[in-house]
């Protein structure tokens, strides 16, 4: 079968990085040093009797996929990746065969897949504390057990991802799609789960004023999640793109802030007092109660810490290169910084539920707007075009792009 495969070596890494200033970003997806290419591989076998084989219907292209292709990820995570790997982790499909020990799932079931490869998928017993607590994203065994290293489907050499016609998943990763939820909306369950988990982990209080940095897919879904879970919250968004800003307004953003006016708008919106240090950025006293940074580079994180009030919490959602931070606001304002990765179980309306279930419920009940977010579909043969659209989302008015099978 045809599959989109990622692979890189140290020499290729060095050559691609050195040639980018001359050849541009195309060096990563076209030519002799490309990190991703279409290959022919066998259809996946089931690793054990408690796995299923799934026919891919849609697989979303994530910002983390783009970072991987462009070699933006920190090498610190490399022990938890194995290559070559078939990419794609935002997957919906139909079960075509099931192992002899699979319960509650049958061929023909439409499913969305939690891609995390935690203890249970790796055959590890007893499971680690994170998995025991329902937060597989913090699993301590991403490089252990019966599978190669790899935190999730799509960066694991033995478990191909959704940029292929077929893939395999463990029964513990499966969630049946409600009959009233279409597959194009269901492909947003995984990114919506990230957004919902972000908000559950940093829940606004009554009448808080919060800031979202970046109005892409995750930023938009965080805004929608906040409005669904804490509707009295005043939400401001930092976003330079008029297209993304307009979409954010439609789903509930109260204020749009241009990146060059963040400090002025912080003073206006939150009534923070602004002080000017001898050198560097302004230093607000007061500010936003919560900040959700979906960009995660040095510029946005330093700014996010400054505009966050004392005792406030910053959620770092964006994943990118290593950053240099001025931690003065962190200690001077007694702030909290939270990392964001994956999803798990939360308490919602008095019940312990997995965020995937809540995401599907919100989509099925139209509490979250999905239809307008899936803007482009591509065949696997057109993967280069898909990458180029994601590199120029504003030009193409793209939000979520998906590969369709």
Protein backbone atom coordinates (compact mmCIF):
# COMPACT_ATOMS: atom_id res chain seq x y z
CA UNK A 1 0.00 0.00 0.00
CA UNK A 2 1.04 3.62 -0.49
CA UNK A 3 2.06 5.41 2.71
CA UNK A 4 3.60 8.73 3.71
CA UNK A 5 6.78 7.94 5.58
CA UNK A 6 9.07 10.13 7.68
CA UNK A 7 12.75 9.30 8.03
CA UNK A 8 15.84 11.32 8.84
CA UNK A 9 19.47 10.62 9.69
CA UNK A 10 22.05 12.93 11.25
CA UNK A 11 23.75 13.61 7.86
CA UNK A 12 20.37 14.32 6.22
CA UNK A 13 19.43 16.58 9.13
CA UNK A 14 22.64 18.61 8.77
CA UNK A 15 22.38 18.85 4.97
CA UNK A 16 18.72 19.82 4.94
CA UNK A 17 19.23 22.50 7.58
CA UNK A 18 22.25 23.91 5.76
CA UNK A 19 20.42 23.99 2.41
CA UNK A 20 17.18 25.57 3.70
CA UNK A 21 18.52 29.17 3.41
CA UNK A 22 19.31 28.51 -0.26
CA UNK A 23 16.52 26.17 -1.41
CA UNK A 24 13.78 27.17 1.03
CA UNK A 25 11.45 24.86 2.93
CA UNK A 26 10.89 22.66 -0.14
CA UNK A 27 14.18 20.97 0.73
CA UNK A 28 12.26 19.07 3.45
CA UNK A 29 9.59 17.56 1.18
CA UNK A 30 11.02 17.58 -2.33
CA UNK A 31 14.46 16.44 -3.51
CA UNK A 32 17.30 14.21 -2.31
CA UNK A 33 17.23 15.43 1.30
CA UNK A 34 13.49 15.34 1.90
CA UNK A 35 12.42 14.03 5.28
CA UNK A 36 9.07 12.68 4.07
CA UNK A 37 8.15 10.68 0.99
CA UNK A 38 5.52 8.31 -0.38
CA UNK A 39 6.60 4.66 -0.18
CA UNK A 40 5.16 1.19 -0.81
CA UNK A 41 4.81 -0.91 2.33
CA UNK A 42 2.85 -4.00 3.37
CA UNK A 43 -0.54 -3.63 5.01
CA UNK A 44 -0.11 -3.73 8.79
CA UNK A 45 -0.23 -6.97 10.74
CA UNK A 46 -1.83 -7.07 14.19
CA UNK A 47 0.89 -6.89 16.90
CA UNK A 48 -1.23 -9.09 19.20
CA UNK A 49 -4.78 -10.56 19.44
CA UNK A 50 -6.15 -7.44 21.20
CA UNK A 51 -5.51 -5.17 18.21
CA UNK A 52 -7.70 -4.32 15.23
CA UNK A 53 -6.99 -3.42 11.61
CA UNK A 54 -8.68 -0.23 10.43
CA UNK A 55 -9.39 1.21 7.01
CA UNK A 56 -8.51 4.89 7.07
CA UNK A 57 -11.26 7.33 6.06
CA UNK A 58 -9.67 10.64 7.05
CA UNK A 59 -6.42 11.63 8.72
CA UNK A 60 -5.84 15.22 9.79
CA UNK A 61 -2.58 17.03 9.14
CA UNK A 62 -1.41 18.43 12.47
CA UNK A 63 0.94 21.31 13.21
CA UNK A 64 3.16 18.76 14.94
CA UNK A 65 3.34 16.82 11.63
CA UNK A 66 4.59 19.98 9.94
CA UNK A 67 7.12 20.58 12.71
CA UNK A 68 8.36 17.01 12.31
CA UNK A 69 8.80 17.35 8.55
CA UNK A 70 10.55 20.73 8.91
CA UNK A 71 12.85 19.37 11.65
CA UNK A 72 11.62 21.94 14.17
CA UNK A 73 11.22 19.50 17.04
CA UNK A 74 13.74 19.45 19.86
CA UNK A 75 16.17 16.49 19.74
CA UNK A 76 15.27 15.94 23.40
CA UNK A 77 12.22 13.92 22.30
CA UNK A 78 14.17 11.70 19.89
CA UNK A 79 14.49 8.74 22.33
CA UNK A 80 10.70 8.48 22.14
CA UNK A 81 10.47 8.24 18.36
CA UNK A 82 11.48 5.40 16.02
CA UNK A 83 12.03 5.59 12.28
CA UNK A 84 11.16 5.12 9.51
CA UNK A 85 7.58 5.79 10.54
CA UNK A 86 4.30 6.29 8.69
CA UNK A 87 2.95 9.63 9.87
CA UNK A 88 -0.57 10.66 10.90
CA UNK A 89 -2.29 10.55 14.30
CA UNK A 90 -5.62 12.40 13.85
CA UNK A 91 -7.42 9.36 12.45
CA UNK A 92 -10.94 8.12 11.84
CA UNK A 93 -11.78 4.91 10.04
CA UNK A 94 -13.70 1.65 9.87
CA UNK A 95 -12.60 -1.61 11.48
CA UNK A 96 -12.00 -4.30 8.86
CA UNK A 97 -10.71 -7.12 11.10
CA UNK A 98 -10.29 -7.74 14.82
CA UNK A 99 -8.00 -9.96 16.87
CA UNK A 100 -9.40 -12.91 18.83
CA UNK A 101 -9.16 -11.08 22.17
CA UNK A 102 -10.88 -7.87 21.06
CA UNK A 103 -14.07 -7.10 23.00
CA UNK A 104 -16.84 -4.57 22.24
CA UNK A 105 -15.55 -3.77 18.73
CA UNK A 106 -16.35 -5.52 15.45
CA UNK A 107 -15.66 -5.16 11.73
CA UNK A 108 -17.81 -2.39 10.34
CA UNK A 109 -17.57 -0.17 13.45
CA UNK A 110 -16.67 3.45 12.74
CA UNK A 111 -14.03 4.56 15.21
CA UNK A 112 -11.84 7.46 16.19
CA UNK A 113 -8.45 6.52 17.61
CA UNK A 114 -6.60 7.82 20.65
CA UNK A 115 -3.08 7.55 19.20
CA UNK A 116 -1.13 7.44 22.49
CA UNK A 117 0.97 4.28 22.85
CA UNK A 118 1.00 3.91 26.62
CA UNK A 119 1.52 0.97 28.95
CA UNK A 120 -1.54 -1.08 27.94
CA UNK A 121 -0.74 -0.94 24.22
CA UNK A 122 2.83 -1.98 25.05
CA UNK A 123 1.81 -5.01 27.12
CA UNK A 124 3.23 -3.55 30.34
CA UNK A 125 1.72 -4.66 33.65
CA UNK A 126 1.58 -3.08 36.17
CA UNK A 127 1.06 0.19 34.35
CA UNK A 128 2.97 3.34 35.27
CA UNK A 129 1.45 5.99 37.62
CA UNK A 130 0.40 8.28 34.75
CA UNK A 131 -1.45 5.51 32.93
CA UNK A 132 -2.97 4.34 36.23
CA UNK A 133 -4.34 7.86 36.72
CA UNK A 134 -5.85 7.97 33.23
CA UNK A 135 -3.24 10.31 31.74
CA UNK A 136 -1.50 8.12 29.16
CA UNK A 137 0.16 11.19 27.64
CA UNK A 138 2.54 11.18 30.61
CA UNK A 139 3.37 7.48 30.26
CA UNK A 140 6.78 6.53 31.64
CA UNK A 141 7.22 3.65 29.20
CA UNK A 142 7.15 5.26 25.73
CA UNK A 143 10.43 3.47 24.93
CA UNK A 144 9.65 0.17 26.67
CA UNK A 145 7.55 -2.96 26.26
CA UNK A 146 6.67 -4.93 23.14
CA UNK A 147 6.69 -1.91 20.79
CA UNK A 148 9.59 0.23 19.57
CA UNK A 149 10.01 3.74 21.00
CA UNK A 150 7.27 6.14 19.99
CA UNK A 151 4.84 8.20 22.04
CA UNK A 152 1.95 7.78 19.64
CA UNK A 153 0.80 6.28 16.37
CA UNK A 154 2.56 8.18 13.60
CA UNK A 155 6.04 8.33 15.16
CA UNK A 156 6.50 4.62 15.79
CA UNK A 157 8.31 2.39 13.30
CA UNK A 158 6.10 -0.66 14.00
CA UNK A 159 2.70 1.04 14.26
CA UNK A 160 1.96 2.92 11.03
CA UNK A 161 -0.12 6.07 11.21
CA UNK A 162 -3.11 7.34 9.29
CA UNK A 163 -1.33 8.64 6.21
CA UNK A 164 -1.92 5.22 4.69
CA UNK A 165 -5.03 3.28 3.59
CA UNK A 166 -4.82 0.88 6.56
CA UNK A 167 -3.37 0.99 10.08
CA UNK A 168 -3.62 -0.97 13.32
CA UNK A 169 -4.70 0.09 16.81
CA UNK A 170 -5.08 -1.49 20.23
CA UNK A 171 -8.66 -1.93 21.44
CA UNK A 172 -7.98 0.40 24.37
CA UNK A 173 -7.38 3.23 21.87
CA UNK A 174 -10.78 2.98 20.16
CA UNK A 175 -13.90 5.10 20.54
CA UNK A 176 -17.06 4.38 18.57
CA UNK A 177 -18.33 7.35 16.59
CA UNK A 178 -21.99 8.25 17.30
CA UNK A 179 -24.35 7.72 14.38
CA UNK A 180 -25.24 11.42 14.28
CA UNK A 181 -21.58 12.50 13.98
CA UNK A 182 -20.13 12.63 10.48
CA UNK A 183 -16.63 11.41 9.72
CA UNK A 184 -15.43 14.86 8.59
CA UNK A 185 -16.37 16.25 12.00
CA UNK A 186 -15.05 13.19 13.84
CA UNK A 187 -11.56 13.76 12.42
CA UNK A 188 -11.43 16.79 14.75
CA UNK A 189 -11.91 14.68 17.89
CA UNK A 190 -8.18 14.31 18.54
CA UNK A 191 -7.27 18.03 18.21
CA UNK A 192 -10.43 18.96 20.12
CA UNK A 193 -9.37 16.58 22.89
CA UNK A 194 -6.07 18.49 23.13
CA UNK A 195 -7.97 21.78 23.42
CA UNK A 196 -10.44 20.44 25.98
CA UNK A 197 -7.68 18.90 28.08
CA UNK A 198 -5.84 22.22 28.03
CA UNK A 199 -8.90 23.99 29.43
CA UNK A 200 -9.73 21.28 31.98
CA UNK A 201 -6.14 21.51 33.26
CA UNK A 202 -6.28 25.34 33.45
CA UNK A 203 -9.99 26.03 33.96
CA UNK A 204 -11.04 29.68 34.08
CA UNK A 205 -12.92 30.89 37.13
CA UNK A 206 -16.12 32.91 36.96
CA UNK A 207 -15.65 36.10 34.89
CA UNK A 208 -11.92 35.54 34.31
CA UNK A 209 -10.18 37.38 31.49
CA UNK A 210 -7.98 35.01 29.52
CA UNK A 211 -5.64 35.25 26.55
CA UNK A 212 -5.18 32.71 23.76
CA UNK A 213 -2.02 33.13 21.69
CA UNK A 214 -2.44 31.87 18.12
CA UNK A 215 -5.73 31.39 16.29
CA UNK A 216 -4.97 28.22 14.34
CA UNK A 217 -6.85 24.96 14.76
CA UNK A 218 -5.90 24.40 18.40
CA UNK A 219 -6.30 28.08 19.33
CA UNK A 220 -9.76 28.17 17.74
CA UNK A 221 -10.77 24.96 19.52
CA UNK A 222 -9.46 26.28 22.86
CA UNK A 223 -11.67 29.36 22.43
CA UNK A 224 -14.64 27.13 21.68
CA UNK A 225 -13.81 24.84 24.61
CA UNK A 226 -13.62 27.78 27.02
CA UNK A 227 -16.97 29.11 25.82
CA UNK A 228 -18.51 25.64 26.19
CA UNK A 229 -17.12 24.95 29.67
CA UNK A 230 -16.91 28.45 31.19
CA UNK A 231 -19.18 30.69 29.12
CA UNK A 232 -18.77 33.81 31.31
CA UNK A 233 -15.04 33.95 30.51
CA UNK A 234 -13.80 36.95 28.52
CA UNK A 235 -11.49 35.59 25.80
CA UNK A 236 -8.90 37.64 23.92
CA UNK A 237 -6.90 36.22 21.02
CA UNK A 238 -3.48 37.30 19.73
CA UNK A 239 -3.55 36.62 16.00
CA UNK A 240 -2.11 38.52 12.99
CA UNK A 241 -4.14 36.74 10.28
CA UNK A 242 -7.46 38.47 9.46
CA UNK A 243 -8.86 35.14 8.24
CA UNK A 244 -8.07 33.27 11.48
CA UNK A 245 -9.24 36.28 13.51
CA UNK A 246 -12.61 36.33 11.74
CA UNK A 247 -13.11 32.62 12.43
CA UNK A 248 -12.27 33.20 16.09
CA UNK A 249 -14.86 35.97 16.34
CA UNK A 250 -17.48 33.64 14.88
CA UNK A 251 -16.85 31.03 17.60
CA UNK A 252 -16.83 33.43 20.54
CA UNK A 253 -13.58 35.42 20.84
CA UNK A 254 -14.40 38.73 22.58
CA UNK A 255 -11.27 40.63 21.52
CA UNK A 256 -8.71 40.28 18.73
CA UNK A 257 -5.27 41.60 19.63
CA UNK A 258 -2.59 42.34 17.05
CA UNK A 259 0.82 40.93 18.08
CA UNK A 260 2.38 44.41 17.98
CA UNK A 261 -0.21 45.80 20.42
CA UNK A 262 -0.25 43.11 23.09
CA UNK A 263 0.93 45.34 25.96
CA UNK A 264 -1.37 48.25 25.09
CA UNK A 265 -4.33 45.91 24.79
CA UNK A 266 -3.42 44.11 28.03
CA UNK A 267 -3.60 47.45 29.83
CA UNK A 268 -6.93 48.31 28.22
CA UNK A 269 -8.60 44.92 28.69
CA UNK A 270 -7.31 43.96 32.16
CA UNK A 271 -6.51 47.41 33.62
CA UNK A 272 -2.95 46.29 34.32
CA UNK A 273 -0.42 48.90 35.39
CA UNK A 274 2.48 49.13 32.94
CA UNK A 275 6.10 49.68 33.96
CA UNK A 276 9.10 50.23 31.70
CA UNK A 277 12.36 48.51 32.70
CA UNK A 278 15.79 49.92 31.82
CA UNK A 279 15.91 47.50 28.88
CA UNK A 280 13.51 45.11 27.17
CA UNK A 281 9.76 44.67 27.09
CA UNK A 282 7.27 46.45 29.29
CA UNK A 283 6.42 44.82 32.61
CA UNK A 284 2.70 44.78 33.46
CA UNK A 285 1.51 44.44 37.04
CA UNK A 286 -1.84 42.72 36.75
CA UNK A 287 -2.84 41.13 33.47
CA UNK A 288 -4.74 38.10 32.24
CA UNK A 289 -5.90 35.42 34.68
CA UNK A 290 -4.97 32.58 32.32
CA UNK A 291 -2.88 32.42 29.15
CA UNK A 292 -2.94 29.57 26.62
CA UNK A 293 0.05 29.83 24.27
CA UNK A 294 -0.49 27.67 21.17
CA UNK A 295 2.61 29.02 19.38
CA UNK A 296 5.26 28.25 21.98
CA UNK A 297 8.29 30.11 20.62
CA UNK A 298 10.63 32.34 22.61
CA UNK A 299 8.87 35.57 21.63
CA UNK A 300 5.36 34.45 22.52
CA UNK A 301 6.34 32.67 25.74
CA UNK A 302 8.30 35.64 27.08
CA UNK A 303 5.38 37.90 26.25
CA UNK A 304 2.85 35.45 27.72
CA UNK A 305 4.64 35.38 31.07
CA UNK A 306 4.68 39.18 31.21
CA UNK A 307 1.00 39.72 30.47
CA UNK A 308 -0.06 36.98 32.92
CA UNK A 309 -1.14 38.34 36.30
CA UNK A 310 0.28 37.36 39.67
CA UNK A 311 -0.73 33.82 40.68
CA UNK A 312 -1.92 33.21 37.11
CA UNK A 313 -1.30 30.05 35.07
CA UNK A 314 0.28 29.76 31.63
CA UNK A 315 -0.50 26.66 29.55
CA UNK A 316 2.20 25.93 26.98
CA UNK A 317 0.37 24.21 24.13
CA UNK A 318 2.68 24.97 21.20
CA UNK A 319 5.60 22.65 20.53
CA UNK A 320 8.70 23.95 18.79
CA UNK A 321 12.39 24.70 19.06
CA UNK A 322 14.22 25.12 22.39
CA UNK A 323 13.60 28.60 23.81
CA UNK A 324 15.39 31.15 25.98
CA UNK A 325 13.14 32.66 28.64
CA UNK A 326 13.37 35.59 31.04
CA UNK A 327 11.90 33.98 34.15
CA UNK A 328 11.57 37.22 36.12
CA UNK A 329 7.75 37.29 35.77
CA UNK A 330 7.56 33.65 36.88
CA UNK A 331 9.13 34.27 40.29
CA UNK A 332 8.14 37.91 40.75
CA UNK A 333 4.46 37.21 40.05
CA UNK A 334 4.39 33.72 41.62
CA UNK A 335 3.08 32.23 38.40
CA UNK A 336 2.45 28.62 37.39
CA UNK A 337 3.51 27.16 34.04
CA UNK A 338 1.80 23.99 32.79
CA UNK A 339 2.89 21.76 29.96
CA UNK A 340 0.22 20.47 27.58
CA UNK A 341 0.47 17.11 25.84
CA UNK A 342 -2.27 14.70 24.85
CA UNK A 343 -5.35 14.01 26.98
CA UNK A 344 -6.86 11.66 29.49
CA UNK A 345 -9.62 11.27 32.05
CA UNK A 346 -11.24 14.28 33.72
CA UNK A 347 -14.19 14.89 36.02
CA UNK A 348 -17.04 16.47 34.07
CA UNK A 349 -20.53 17.01 35.44
CA UNK A 350 -19.70 14.81 38.41
CA UNK A 351 -18.47 11.83 36.37
CA UNK A 352 -15.00 10.58 35.46
CA UNK A 353 -14.83 10.55 31.67
CA UNK A 354 -12.18 10.43 28.98
CA UNK A 355 -11.78 13.69 27.09
CA UNK A 356 -12.31 11.82 23.79
CA UNK A 357 -15.86 10.97 24.91
CA UNK A 358 -16.54 14.58 25.86
CA UNK A 359 -15.11 15.80 22.55
CA UNK A 360 -17.42 13.51 20.56
CA UNK A 361 -20.41 14.58 22.66
CA UNK A 362 -19.66 18.28 22.09
CA UNK A 363 -19.27 17.74 18.34
CA UNK A 364 -22.42 15.61 18.06
CA UNK A 365 -24.45 18.21 19.99
CA UNK A 366 -22.93 21.12 18.03
CA UNK A 367 -21.46 22.65 21.17
CA UNK A 368 -18.25 22.86 19.13
CA UNK A 369 -18.35 24.09 15.54
CA UNK A 370 -16.49 21.63 13.31
CA UNK A 371 -17.91 22.02 9.82
CA UNK A 372 -16.13 25.26 8.95
CA UNK A 373 -12.76 24.09 10.28
CA UNK A 374 -12.13 21.24 7.79
CA UNK A 375 -11.31 23.37 4.75
CA UNK A 376 -9.16 21.16 2.49
CA UNK A 377 -8.97 17.47 1.55
CA UNK A 378 -6.04 15.84 -0.25
CA UNK A 379 -5.18 12.46 -1.73
CA UNK A 380 -1.99 10.83 -0.53
CA UNK A 381 -0.44 11.46 -3.96
CA UNK A 382 -0.87 15.20 -3.34
CA UNK A 383 1.02 15.31 -0.05
CA UNK A 384 3.43 17.99 -1.27
CA UNK A 385 0.52 20.29 -2.07
CA UNK A 386 -0.91 19.57 1.39
CA UNK A 387 2.37 20.60 3.00
CA UNK A 388 2.57 23.79 0.92
CA UNK A 389 -0.99 24.75 1.88
CA UNK A 390 -0.10 24.30 5.55
CA UNK A 391 2.99 26.45 5.10
CA UNK A 392 0.77 29.23 3.67
CA UNK A 393 -2.55 28.85 5.48
CA UNK A 394 -3.50 32.51 5.25
CA UNK A 395 -3.03 32.58 1.48
CA UNK A 396 -5.16 29.46 1.01
CA UNK A 397 -7.68 30.26 3.78
CA UNK A 398 -6.89 26.88 5.28
CA UNK A 399 -7.73 25.77 8.79
CA UNK A 400 -7.74 21.98 9.16
CA UNK A 401 -6.45 20.02 6.17
CA UNK A 402 -7.04 16.28 5.98
CA UNK A 403 -5.87 13.38 3.87
CA UNK A 404 -8.85 11.51 2.45
CA UNK A 405 -9.00 7.82 1.58
